[in-house]
Amino acid sequence: MTSDVNTVQTDVRIEATVRASLSTTAARNLTTTTKSVPQMRGVTPRWLLRSLPWVDAKGGTYRVNRRLSLAIGDGRLSFVNVGTDVQVVPAELRELPLLRELTDDDALTELAGRFEQQSFEPGDLIVHKGQPRDRLYLLAHGKAQQLGTGEYGEAVVLDVLADGMHFGSEVLTGAEATWDFTVKAVTPCTVLVLSGQSFQQLNGRADALREHIRAELAKPQGARNKQGEAAIDLSSGHSGEFELPGTFADYELTPREYELAVVQTLLKVHTRVADLYNDPMNQTEQQVRLTVEALRERQEHELINNRDFGLLHNADLKQRVFTRTGPPTPDDLDELLSRRRRSRFFLAHPRTIAAFRRECTKRGIYPATVSHEDTVVQSWRGVPMLPCDKIPITDGHLSSILVMRTGEDDQGVVGLHETGLDDEVAPGMNVRFMGIDDKAIISYLMSAYFSAAVLVPDALGVLEHVEIGR
């Protein structure tokens, strides 16, 4: 140890004797430095916040009024499993059109117990076109293609079916029919099957179920358009003194209301820091600036992933599309675009955009770039593809792509906030002084109020089960 100390002292003496001027290390003790404001790695472009048109929701609530819809439920079902044994959740059977308003839980439980589990390998045919339609199929897991026949006898993919979807619910009516399409397994599929005979046996014993189905079949079906809304009677092509139909546009009696959500935090700054260390930068201002960035990041995350109003969870089931082969292809994005008018932009994880680019390259296609808010981004069919790392990637390789029409004038997707708040630092965000505690710490309550609303179902579409790992 002594020898090491002697060596250091010797080096210092040598440097002092060799150097002819003051070192920069020593000189820095007598000068100030040029410094940057605090930097933050967690800041992203936040394209969704920048691209959504924002509506001022006074009173913290936004009501979406729509025309009355007469369409009955045709949603997806949920399943539970114990090991490899899969069962449908009984209450989820209400997603079947005829069972939507059934209140007898016992009948649903008994019905759920009658489904038999079957497995299919890729390439297996689950149903065959032309065979009797005497079974109800619930797709618990996997992906299948609904195939039809083209004009010249070739197989045509009509639709892609995936987890939670069903086909053959007509068996509940007891009507005799044949399959007008074929369903082919694309991946290993787990399917729950209910035969018409088994259902009729249950129907004969469950009085509540029998009476409910009889009432549903006897219920008059109001006129509706192809979107399921109550029709407005019109007349065209007539001449002379034709008696014109009377009509009116009916409204939903219980329209959906969006209440503004909130992201909050308590920012704490010690008075000694605020008093003594404000030159050349105001410490409180820098703390507020960095916290605002964090609040905005969380705000965008909630707009996409929140279970109540997040866009991923509030897309209409009929506006959800599954990839045909797994990776995102031009065909998949074309189908997504075809379901709406005036799509403003896609929103996808950067890895998903890269996967789409790879698929285009395989086909010899090179997507064009467009200018969006003074930034050059990739596009498809002229629609910008904006990156967003808030869209989750599940199981390491599955993600989603969103596409939307925006603005109130186009009946699209809008962001919601309330302006004019006390101590407002940005639209929908304020910083409130909370006082100084007995430890001389200043507290500020920082809040961001926001939500998002989909004005009509076709304003938002989602491409699901996008495989980005291959």
Foldseek 3Di string as FASTA:
>chain_A
DVVVVVVVVVVVVVCVVVDPDDDPVVVVVVDDDDDDFDDDPPFDPLVVVVPFAEDADPPQKDFFWDFAFQDFAQFFWAWDDDVPRIFTDLVRVLNQRLNVPQDDSVLSVVQRVQWDKDKDAAFDWPFDFPAKLFKKKFWQAAKKFKWAADPVGDIDGPAMDGHGHIDSSCLLLVDIDTHRIIIGGRHITMMIMHGSVNNVVSLVVDVSSVVSSVCVVPDDRADDDPVRGRDFDADDDDDDPDDTDDGDGHIDPDTDMDGWDKDKDKDKDFVVCQPPVPPPHRPVVSSVVVVVSVRSLVVSLCCQDPCPFHQVNPADRVQEGEDPNAADELVRVVVNDVLDPDWAAKEEAPLNVVSHCVNCVVVVHHFDWDADPNDTAGDDPPHGYHHDNSFDDPPNFWTKMKIFDHDPVRQTKHKYAHAPDPQDPDTQKHWAWDDADPSRMTIIMIMGIIGMDRNDNSRMHMHGNHTSPD
